[in-house]
Structure formats: structure tokens, C-alpha cells
Amino acid sequence: MIGSSGTIGGAFLELLQNNPSCSKVIGIHRHSEHSIDYQNPDSIESCATALSHEGPFHLIINTIGVLHSSDWMPEKRLDDLNAEQLAELMKINAIGPALTIRHFSKLLDPKNSIMVNLSAKVGSIEDNRLGGWYSYRASKAALNMLIKTASIEWARTKSNTALIAMHPGTVNSRLSKPFRGEHIGRPAKDATADMFRVIENLKKEDSGSFISYSGEKLPW
């Protein structure tokens, strides 16, 4: 469970720990024993290497992502776009997860496994009807492309592994709080339960899909 200190990651960790069919769960984050920090890309490989003796893993879920910070909020218009914010979101929402796929893929069970990366529906190019949120949309669209591209390679090299981009919906979390998330979002326990029901029914043929928490396949 990557990003287990976050709202969704923590809820996933608790769900898996209470699942009788799950023999062992490991949660990692910036301050865990084997830490992972997307501000330090080298930590991704070192964390995967440190956990290699714990594998193989049947399920890896990555919930790390950022929408806003204390310094900036999502852009409402083109004039708000700036290089620093765009680069930061690309680093956390696309580059970090891509390197995680690269290094943690070596820990997956080659006989049967799933890797899920949380994306966002606003990263869909086809579904973009409102505009705005330039950096977040672009970084999630980049993540989706990286996942899709890796899944094509995995069809040849990891044919029994499904690589998935998943939209969690609006969740009452730190990420959504400035956008009335506590009013329009679902509790994290409900959101993770919904997503896990979808995950449990995934097949290797679903690899390379962009899927909602409801099981709906979303347009790229």
C-alpha cells in the first residue's frame, strides 16, 4: 500500500488488514521504515529494493497524488499557469508514479497480480468540458498515458499482471477539502470499499484500463 499515510491510503490499509483473504499488508509513505518520497526520486528504487524480500506481492495500490499546496491552488484560467506549479504536479502525479511502476513491478507475482494507480477523471482529455485546473489535468493525463504505455509492454513481459488507472471519485480528504469535499465527497472507507470491489473483479484482460470506482470504464 503506497501512500498509506494519506486519507485514501490509510483507509485502504485498514480495509486490507481486516480482510481475511489478505495474509499480509505493508504500508509505505514518506516516514515509514522503508520510506518513499516523490521529492526524492532515488527513494523509489531504494524502497522497492528494501521490500524485495517481502514479495512477491499480488496487489500493489498507489494512492500518492497532489492537487494543491499551501502555496498554490488549481488554476482557474490560463493566466494563472506557471512553470513551478506545472513541474511540481508532473513530478508528484506522473513522474513519481511512473518510476514506482518501473521499480515496484519487479515485486509483483508473475503468476497473478494487479497494480492499481489512482488517477482522476479530470485527467480524461475526451471528458474535459469545463477547462481550468491545467497542471492537475495535464499531470493526470500524463499519468494515464504512462500507465497505458506500460500496460502494452506488460502484455508481452507480464501477461498475468493487470496495470490499472483508477478514478476514486470525490472523497472527503485533505485533497478535496478546499473544494467542499466534506459536503460532496464520500467517506474514505466507503470510497475504498467501492474501489476494492472493482479490484477484486479485475482480470488480466483489464490491464491498461482507466476505470471508475463504480467499475465504469472511462475515456482516456
C-alpha atoms as a PDB file:
ATOM      1  CA  MET A   1       0.000   0.000   0.000  1.00  0.00           C
ATOM      2  CA  ILE A   2       1.869   3.044  -1.291  1.00  0.00           C
ATOM      3  CA  GLY A   3       0.844   6.356   0.251  1.00  0.00           C
ATOM      4  CA  SER A   4      -0.619   4.746   3.382  1.00  0.00           C
ATOM      5  CA  SER A   5      -0.334   7.932   5.465  1.00  0.00           C
ATOM      6  CA  GLY A   6      -2.919   9.713   3.292  1.00  0.00           C
ATOM      7  CA  THR A   7      -6.688   9.650   3.760  1.00  0.00           C
ATOM      8  CA  ILE A   8      -7.430   7.137   0.988  1.00  0.00           C
ATOM      9  CA  GLY A   9      -4.216   5.181   1.513  1.00  0.00           C
ATOM     10  CA  GLY A  10      -4.898   4.815   5.236  1.00  0.00           C
ATOM     11  CA  ALA A  11      -8.443   3.622   4.561  1.00  0.00           C
ATOM     12  CA  PHE A  12      -7.153   1.074   2.044  1.00  0.00           C
ATOM     13  CA  LEU A  13      -4.573  -0.138   4.565  1.00  0.00           C
ATOM     14  CA  GLU A  14      -7.250  -0.671   7.215  1.00  0.00           C
ATOM     15  CA  LEU A  15      -9.552  -2.403   4.727  1.00  0.00           C
ATOM     16  CA  LEU A  16      -6.834  -4.848   3.672  1.00  0.00           C
ATOM     17  CA  GLN A  17      -5.683  -5.503   7.224  1.00  0.00           C
ATOM     18  CA  ASN A  18      -9.254  -6.535   8.104  1.00  0.00           C
ATOM     19  CA  ASN A  19      -9.680  -8.698   5.013  1.00  0.00           C
ATOM     20  CA  PRO A  20      -9.302 -12.392   5.980  1.00  0.00           C
ATOM     21  CA  SER A  21      -8.118 -13.308   2.480  1.00  0.00           C
ATOM     22  CA  CYS A  22      -5.177 -10.911   2.791  1.00  0.00           C
ATOM     23  CA  SER A  23      -2.288 -12.619   4.579  1.00  0.00           C
ATOM     24  CA  LYS A  24      -0.045  -9.572   4.900  1.00  0.00           C
ATOM     25  CA  VAL A  25      -0.195  -5.847   4.191  1.00  0.00           C
ATOM     26  CA  ILE A  26       2.699  -3.387   4.088  1.00  0.00           C
ATOM     27  CA  GLY A  27       2.067   0.340   4.170  1.00  0.00           C
ATOM     28  CA  ILE A  28       4.724   2.732   2.945  1.00  0.00           C
ATOM     29  CA  HIS A  29       4.926   6.515   2.918  1.00  0.00           C
ATOM     30  CA  ARG A  30       7.407   9.331   3.493  1.00  0.00           C
ATOM     31  CA  HIS A  31       8.004   8.410   7.135  1.00  0.00           C
ATOM     32  CA  SER A  32       7.660   4.622   7.082  1.00  0.00           C
ATOM     33  CA  GLU A  33      10.576   2.300   7.883  1.00  0.00           C
ATOM     34  CA  HIS A  34      11.314   1.973   4.166  1.00  0.00           C
ATOM     35  CA  SER A  35      10.264   5.421   3.024  1.00  0.00           C
ATOM     36  CA  ILE A  36       9.124   6.672  -0.347  1.00  0.00           C
ATOM     37  CA  ASP A  37       9.172  10.377  -1.183  1.00  0.00           C
ATOM     38  CA  TYR A  38       8.429  11.676  -4.662  1.00  0.00           C
ATOM     39  CA  GLN A  39      10.522  14.772  -3.919  1.00  0.00           C
ATOM     40  CA  ASN A  40      13.445  12.331  -3.811  1.00  0.00           C
ATOM     41  CA  PRO A  41      13.098  10.003  -6.829  1.00  0.00           C
ATOM     42  CA  ASP A  42      16.001   7.816  -5.649  1.00  0.00           C
ATOM     43  CA  SER A  43      13.848   6.764  -2.677  1.00  0.00           C
ATOM     44  CA  ILE A  44      11.507   4.914  -5.034  1.00  0.00           C
ATOM     45  CA  GLU A  45      14.096   2.391  -6.162  1.00  0.00           C
ATOM     46  CA  SER A  46      15.661   2.061  -2.705  1.00  0.00           C
ATOM     47  CA  CYS A  47      12.243   1.404  -1.152  1.00  0.00           C
ATOM     48  CA  ALA A  48      11.401  -1.235  -3.747  1.00  0.00           C
ATOM     49  CA  THR A  49      14.789  -2.889  -3.236  1.00  0.00           C
ATOM     50  CA  ALA A  50      14.320  -2.936   0.543  1.00  0.00           C
ATOM     51  CA  LEU A  51      10.914  -4.620   0.164  1.00  0.00           C
ATOM     52  CA  SER A  52      12.011  -7.150  -2.450  1.00  0.00           C
ATOM     53  CA  HIS A  53      12.474  -9.892   0.152  1.00  0.00           C
ATOM     54  CA  GLU A  54       8.839  -9.435   1.267  1.00  0.00           C
ATOM     55  CA  GLY A  55       7.410 -10.372  -2.124  1.00  0.00           C
ATOM     56  CA  PRO A  56       6.047 -11.482  -4.399  1.00  0.00           C
ATOM     57  CA  PHE A  57       3.001  -9.235  -3.996  1.00  0.00           C
ATOM     58  CA  HIS A  58      -0.393  -9.985  -5.505  1.00  0.00           C
ATOM     59  CA  LEU A  59      -1.676  -6.422  -5.196  1.00  0.00           C
ATOM     60  CA  ILE A  60       0.053  -3.040  -5.134  1.00  0.00           C
ATOM     61  CA  ILE A  61      -2.051   0.120  -4.804  1.00  0.00           C
ATOM     62  CA  ASN A  62      -0.532   3.572  -5.214  1.00  0.00           C
ATOM     63  CA  THR A  63      -2.595   6.464  -3.837  1.00  0.00           C
ATOM     64  CA  ILE A  64       0.051   9.223  -3.845  1.00  0.00           C
ATOM     65  CA  GLY A  65      -1.015  12.428  -5.572  1.00  0.00           C
ATOM     66  CA  VAL A  66      -1.304  16.184  -5.093  1.00  0.00           C
ATOM     67  CA  LEU A  67      -3.877  18.761  -6.201  1.00  0.00           C
ATOM     68  CA  HIS A  68      -2.906  21.856  -4.245  1.00  0.00           C
ATOM     69  CA  SER A  69      -0.439  23.080  -1.627  1.00  0.00           C
ATOM     70  CA  SER A  70      -0.102  25.903   0.894  1.00  0.00           C
ATOM     71  CA  ASP A  71       1.487  27.967  -1.894  1.00  0.00           C
ATOM     72  CA  TRP A  72      -0.963  27.464  -4.763  1.00  0.00           C
ATOM     73  CA  MET A  73      -4.380  26.195  -5.801  1.00  0.00           C
ATOM     74  CA  PRO A  74      -5.596  24.745  -9.129  1.00  0.00           C
ATOM     75  CA  GLU A  75      -5.540  27.290 -11.931  1.00  0.00           C
ATOM     76  CA  LYS A  76      -8.873  28.803 -12.878  1.00  0.00           C
ATOM     77  CA  ARG A  77      -7.597  30.412 -16.075  1.00  0.00           C
ATOM     78  CA  LEU A  78      -4.636  30.316 -18.428  1.00  0.00           C
ATOM     79  CA  ASP A  79      -3.115  33.451 -16.890  1.00  0.00           C
ATOM     80  CA  ASP A  80      -2.709  31.508 -13.627  1.00  0.00           C
ATOM     81  CA  LEU A  81      -0.471  28.896 -15.274  1.00  0.00           C
ATOM     82  CA  ASN A  82       3.142  28.918 -14.077  1.00  0.00           C
ATOM     83  CA  ALA A  83       6.165  26.705 -14.615  1.00  0.00           C
ATOM     84  CA  GLU A  84       6.809  25.890 -10.958  1.00  0.00           C
ATOM     85  CA  GLN A  85       3.330  24.558 -10.272  1.00  0.00           C
ATOM     86  CA  LEU A  86       3.179  22.619 -13.529  1.00  0.00           C
ATOM     87  CA  ALA A  87       6.587  20.996 -12.882  1.00  0.00           C
ATOM     88  CA  GLU A  88       5.676  20.142  -9.278  1.00  0.00           C
ATOM     89  CA  LEU A  89       2.455  18.364 -10.218  1.00  0.00           C
ATOM     90  CA  MET A  90       4.176  16.499 -13.029  1.00  0.00           C
ATOM     91  CA  LYS A  91       6.800  15.319 -10.537  1.00  0.00           C
ATOM     92  CA  ILE A  92       4.288  14.074  -7.957  1.00  0.00           C
ATOM     93  CA  ASN A  93       1.378  12.919 -10.140  1.00  0.00           C
ATOM     94  CA  ALA A  94       3.187  11.466 -13.165  1.00  0.00           C
ATOM     95  CA  ILE A  95       6.953  11.033 -12.777  1.00  0.00           C
ATOM     96  CA  GLY A  96       6.806   9.556  -9.280  1.00  0.00           C
ATOM     97  CA  PRO A  97       4.084   7.015 -10.107  1.00  0.00           C
ATOM     98  CA  ALA A  98       5.824   6.081 -13.377  1.00  0.00           C
ATOM     99  CA  LEU A  99       9.076   5.314 -11.557  1.00  0.00           C
ATOM    100  CA  THR A 100       7.049   3.410  -8.964  1.00  0.00           C
ATOM    101  CA  ILE A 101       5.580   1.253 -11.716  1.00  0.00           C
ATOM    102  CA  ARG A 102       9.080   0.657 -13.045  1.00  0.00           C
ATOM    103  CA  HIS A 103      10.700  -0.368  -9.772  1.00  0.00           C
ATOM    104  CA  PHE A 104       7.802  -1.979  -7.895  1.00  0.00           C
ATOM    105  CA  SER A 105       6.776  -4.071 -10.891  1.00  0.00           C
ATOM    106  CA  LYS A 106       9.721  -6.319 -10.032  1.00  0.00           C
ATOM    107  CA  LEU A 107       7.963  -7.207  -6.756  1.00  0.00           C
ATOM    108  CA  LEU A 108       4.726  -8.408  -8.356  1.00  0.00           C
ATOM    109  CA  ASP A 109       3.812 -12.085  -8.559  1.00  0.00           C
ATOM    110  CA  PRO A 110       4.338 -13.080 -12.210  1.00  0.00           C
ATOM    111  CA  LYS A 111       1.634 -15.746 -11.915  1.00  0.00           C
ATOM    112  CA  ASN A 112      -1.223 -13.451 -10.904  1.00  0.00           C
ATOM    113  CA  SER A 113      -1.081  -9.835  -9.724  1.00  0.00           C
ATOM    114  CA  ILE A 114      -2.619  -6.379 -10.005  1.00  0.00           C
ATOM    115  CA  MET A 115      -1.135  -2.899  -9.760  1.00  0.00           C
ATOM    116  CA  VAL A 116      -3.582  -0.027  -9.302  1.00  0.00           C
ATOM    117  CA  ASN A 117      -2.638   3.646  -9.578  1.00  0.00           C
ATOM    118  CA  LEU A 118      -5.111   6.291  -8.504  1.00  0.00           C
ATOM    119  CA  SER A 119      -5.730   8.730 -11.330  1.00  0.00           C
ATOM    120  CA  ALA A 120      -8.620  11.183 -11.772  1.00  0.00           C
ATOM    121  CA  LYS A 121     -11.488  11.618 -14.192  1.00  0.00           C
ATOM    122  CA  VAL A 122     -10.387  15.217 -14.791  1.00  0.00           C
ATOM    123  CA  GLY A 123      -7.295  13.735 -16.449  1.00  0.00           C
ATOM    124  CA  SER A 124      -9.505  12.452 -19.272  1.00  0.00           C
ATOM    125  CA  ILE A 125      -8.887  14.524 -22.403  1.00  0.00           C
ATOM    126  CA  GLU A 126     -12.133  13.428 -24.028  1.00  0.00           C
ATOM    127  CA  ASP A 127     -14.195  14.167 -20.914  1.00  0.00           C
ATOM    128  CA  ASN A 128     -12.754  17.668 -20.358  1.00  0.00           C
ATOM    129  CA  ARG A 129     -15.728  20.008 -20.698  1.00  0.00           C
ATOM    130  CA  LEU A 130     -15.056  22.644 -18.045  1.00  0.00           C
ATOM    131  CA  GLY A 131     -11.405  23.572 -18.610  1.00  0.00           C
ATOM    132  CA  GLY A 132      -9.248  25.016 -15.825  1.00  0.00           C
ATOM    133  CA  TRP A 133      -7.055  23.051 -13.433  1.00  0.00           C
ATOM    134  CA  TYR A 134      -4.323  22.992 -16.082  1.00  0.00           C
ATOM    135  CA  SER A 135      -1.490  21.426 -14.095  1.00  0.00           C
ATOM    136  CA  TYR A 136      -3.610  18.789 -12.373  1.00  0.00           C
ATOM    137  CA  ARG A 137      -5.410  17.764 -15.556  1.00  0.00           C
ATOM    138  CA  ALA A 138      -2.146  17.614 -17.529  1.00  0.00           C
ATOM    139  CA  SER A 139      -0.307  15.611 -14.864  1.00  0.00           C
ATOM    140  CA  LYS A 140      -3.100  13.044 -14.578  1.00  0.00           C
ATOM    141  CA  ALA A 141      -3.362  12.800 -18.383  1.00  0.00           C
ATOM    142  CA  ALA A 142       0.403  12.165 -18.446  1.00  0.00           C
ATOM    143  CA  LEU A 143      -0.012   9.502 -15.769  1.00  0.00           C
ATOM    144  CA  ASN A 144      -2.742   7.828 -17.805  1.00  0.00           C
ATOM    145  CA  MET A 145      -0.504   7.722 -20.875  1.00  0.00           C
ATOM    146  CA  LEU A 146       2.380   6.254 -18.871  1.00  0.00           C
ATOM    147  CA  ILE A 147       0.089   3.556 -17.447  1.00  0.00           C
ATOM    148  CA  LYS A 148      -1.371   2.718 -20.850  1.00  0.00           C
ATOM    149  CA  THR A 149       2.074   2.532 -22.447  1.00  0.00           C
ATOM    150  CA  ALA A 150       3.479   0.323 -19.678  1.00  0.00           C
ATOM    151  CA  SER A 151       0.468  -1.984 -19.934  1.00  0.00           C
ATOM    152  CA  ILE A 152       1.236  -2.600 -23.619  1.00  0.00           C
ATOM    153  CA  GLU A 153       4.755  -3.683 -22.714  1.00  0.00           C
ATOM    154  CA  TRP A 154       3.438  -5.797 -19.844  1.00  0.00           C
ATOM    155  CA  ALA A 155       1.144  -7.658 -22.248  1.00  0.00           C
ATOM    156  CA  ARG A 156       4.377  -9.152 -23.556  1.00  0.00           C
ATOM    157  CA  THR A 157       6.501  -9.310 -20.414  1.00  0.00           C
ATOM    158  CA  LYS A 158       3.984  -9.616 -17.551  1.00  0.00           C
ATOM    159  CA  SER A 159       0.989 -11.210 -19.217  1.00  0.00           C
ATOM    160  CA  ASN A 160      -0.592 -12.292 -15.920  1.00  0.00           C
ATOM    161  CA  THR A 161      -0.495  -8.818 -14.361  1.00  0.00           C
ATOM    162  CA  ALA A 162      -3.143  -6.117 -14.731  1.00  0.00           C
ATOM    163  CA  LEU A 163      -1.971  -2.495 -14.650  1.00  0.00           C
ATOM    164  CA  ILE A 164      -4.872  -0.132 -13.950  1.00  0.00           C
ATOM    165  CA  ALA A 165      -5.614   3.593 -13.666  1.00  0.00           C
ATOM    166  CA  MET A 166      -8.493   4.136 -11.226  1.00  0.00           C
ATOM    167  CA  HIS A 167     -10.691   7.155 -10.523  1.00  0.00           C
ATOM    168  CA  PRO A 168     -11.729   7.201  -6.835  1.00  0.00           C
ATOM    169  CA  GLY A 169     -14.466   9.797  -7.190  1.00  0.00           C
ATOM    170  CA  THR A 170     -14.739  12.727  -4.799  1.00  0.00           C
ATOM    171  CA  VAL A 171     -13.597  11.663  -1.337  1.00  0.00           C
ATOM    172  CA  ASN A 172     -13.729  13.647   1.875  1.00  0.00           C
ATOM    173  CA  SER A 173      -9.983  14.154   2.234  1.00  0.00           C
ATOM    174  CA  ARG A 174      -7.306  16.812   2.603  1.00  0.00           C
ATOM    175  CA  LEU A 175      -7.061  16.938  -1.184  1.00  0.00           C
ATOM    176  CA  SER A 176     -10.752  17.746  -1.695  1.00  0.00           C
ATOM    177  CA  LYS A 177     -11.432  19.828   1.435  1.00  0.00           C
ATOM    178  CA  PRO A 178     -10.919  23.244  -0.228  1.00  0.00           C
ATOM    179  CA  PHE A 179     -13.491  22.222  -2.843  1.00  0.00           C
ATOM    180  CA  ARG A 180     -16.326  21.335  -0.441  1.00  0.00           C
ATOM    181  CA  GLY A 181     -15.110  17.744  -0.270  1.00  0.00           C
ATOM    182  CA  GLU A 182     -16.600  17.326   3.203  1.00  0.00           C
ATOM    183  CA  HIS A 183     -20.026  18.125   1.708  1.00  0.00           C
ATOM    184  CA  ILE A 184     -19.935  16.449  -1.701  1.00  0.00           C
ATOM    185  CA  GLY A 185     -17.363  13.712  -1.088  1.00  0.00           C
ATOM    186  CA  ARG A 186     -17.839  10.193   0.262  1.00  0.00           C
ATOM    187  CA  PRO A 187     -16.100   8.995   3.416  1.00  0.00           C
ATOM    188  CA  ALA A 188     -12.763   7.346   2.614  1.00  0.00           C
ATOM    189  CA  LYS A 189     -13.975   3.998   3.990  1.00  0.00           C
ATOM    190  CA  ASP A 190     -16.876   3.981   1.554  1.00  0.00           C
ATOM    191  CA  ALA A 191     -14.676   5.035  -1.359  1.00  0.00           C
ATOM    192  CA  THR A 192     -12.062   2.365  -0.728  1.00  0.00           C
ATOM    193  CA  ALA A 193     -14.743  -0.294  -0.270  1.00  0.00           C
ATOM    194  CA  ASP A 194     -16.191   0.675  -3.659  1.00  0.00           C
ATOM    195  CA  MET A 195     -12.781   0.575  -5.320  1.00  0.00           C
ATOM    196  CA  PHE A 196     -11.833  -2.724  -3.721  1.00  0.00           C
ATOM    197  CA  ARG A 197     -14.998  -4.364  -5.053  1.00  0.00           C
ATOM    198  CA  VAL A 198     -13.856  -3.338  -8.528  1.00  0.00           C
ATOM    199  CA  ILE A 199     -10.287  -4.501  -7.882  1.00  0.00           C
ATOM    200  CA  GLU A 200     -11.490  -7.926  -6.701  1.00  0.00           C
ATOM    201  CA  ASN A 201     -13.191  -8.469 -10.056  1.00  0.00           C
ATOM    202  CA  LEU A 202     -10.334  -7.312 -12.272  1.00  0.00           C
ATOM    203  CA  LYS A 203      -8.894  -9.751 -14.778  1.00  0.00           C
ATOM    204  CA  LYS A 204      -5.605  -9.655 -16.644  1.00  0.00           C
ATOM    205  CA  GLU A 205      -7.580  -8.675 -19.760  1.00  0.00           C
ATOM    206  CA  ASP A 206      -8.470  -5.398 -17.997  1.00  0.00           C
ATOM    207  CA  SER A 207      -4.838  -4.304 -17.986  1.00  0.00           C
ATOM    208  CA  GLY A 208      -4.379  -0.858 -19.485  1.00  0.00           C
ATOM    209  CA  SER A 209      -7.871   0.296 -18.492  1.00  0.00           C
ATOM    210  CA  PHE A 210      -8.992   3.580 -16.950  1.00  0.00           C
ATOM    211  CA  ILE A 211     -11.725   2.545 -14.510  1.00  0.00           C
ATOM    212  CA  SER A 212     -14.012   4.390 -12.108  1.00  0.00           C
ATOM    213  CA  TYR A 213     -14.722   3.301  -8.521  1.00  0.00           C
ATOM    214  CA  SER A 214     -18.104   2.105  -9.842  1.00  0.00           C
ATOM    215  CA  GLY A 215     -16.466  -0.206 -12.387  1.00  0.00           C
ATOM    216  CA  GLU A 216     -17.262   2.064 -15.337  1.00  0.00           C
ATOM    217  CA  LYS A 217     -14.563   2.259 -17.994  1.00  0.00           C
ATOM    218  CA  LEU A 218     -13.630   5.893 -18.567  1.00  0.00           C
ATOM    219  CA  PRO A 219     -12.470   7.563 -21.792  1.00  0.00           C
ATOM    220  CA  TRP A 220      -8.794   8.470 -21.974  1.00  0.00           C
END
